[in-house]
Amino acid sequence: MERQSDDWEQLLAAANAGDGRAYTRFLHAVSPVLRGVIRAKSGGLGEASCEDVMQEVLLAIHLKRHTWQVGSPVRPWLYAITRYKVIDAFRARGRRIDLPIEDFVDSLAADPGPDPTEAADMAKMIGMLGGRSAEIVRKIGMEGASFAETGKALDMTEGAVRVALHRALKNLAALRERHVK
């Protein structure tokens, strides 16, 4: 463990002196350790949030690497940055809890069936037609009556029922267009 910290200190010192390869090696060396610390400290944040925190930690290291003093231990400096970024993630999340939806897919599935609001919506739209047109649409469209049965009930010929239904449906379509927009 001590050897690893010494290597990190040498790499970071060289990186701060302008050695780009040392900086790359430093980041590759510390990333797995910091990722483990983040996962251990961020219970409940979720894997995606842990990766977001990791990116924040790496960005903070990059922006603040000049604050590390050569000769001082690098591990506490890294752990402090990591700790504060985990705390920031919990603050940003607030009281919200993220749970993977896959865990609840069986209990969330809705039973297939008719839309409970559909009948009320249909009745409302048909009611806008008014009088005889609404009655024809109700009888043929909702009750399943034939043209002949509807004509007999409304004292109309079968042909007149067909024409009235066609007009009523045309008016219903126009009403729907106005209310959808």
Foldseek 3Di string as FASTA:
>chain_A
DVVLQVLLLVLLVVVVVPDPVSVVVNCVSCLVVLLVVLCVPQPQLDDVLSVVLSVVLVVCCVVCSVVDDRPDGVVVVSVVSSVVSSVVSCVVCDPDTDDDCVVCVVVPDDDDDDDPCVVVVVLVLLVVLDDPLSQLCCVCVPVVDALPVSCVVVVHDSVVSVVSPVVSVVVSVVSVVVVVD
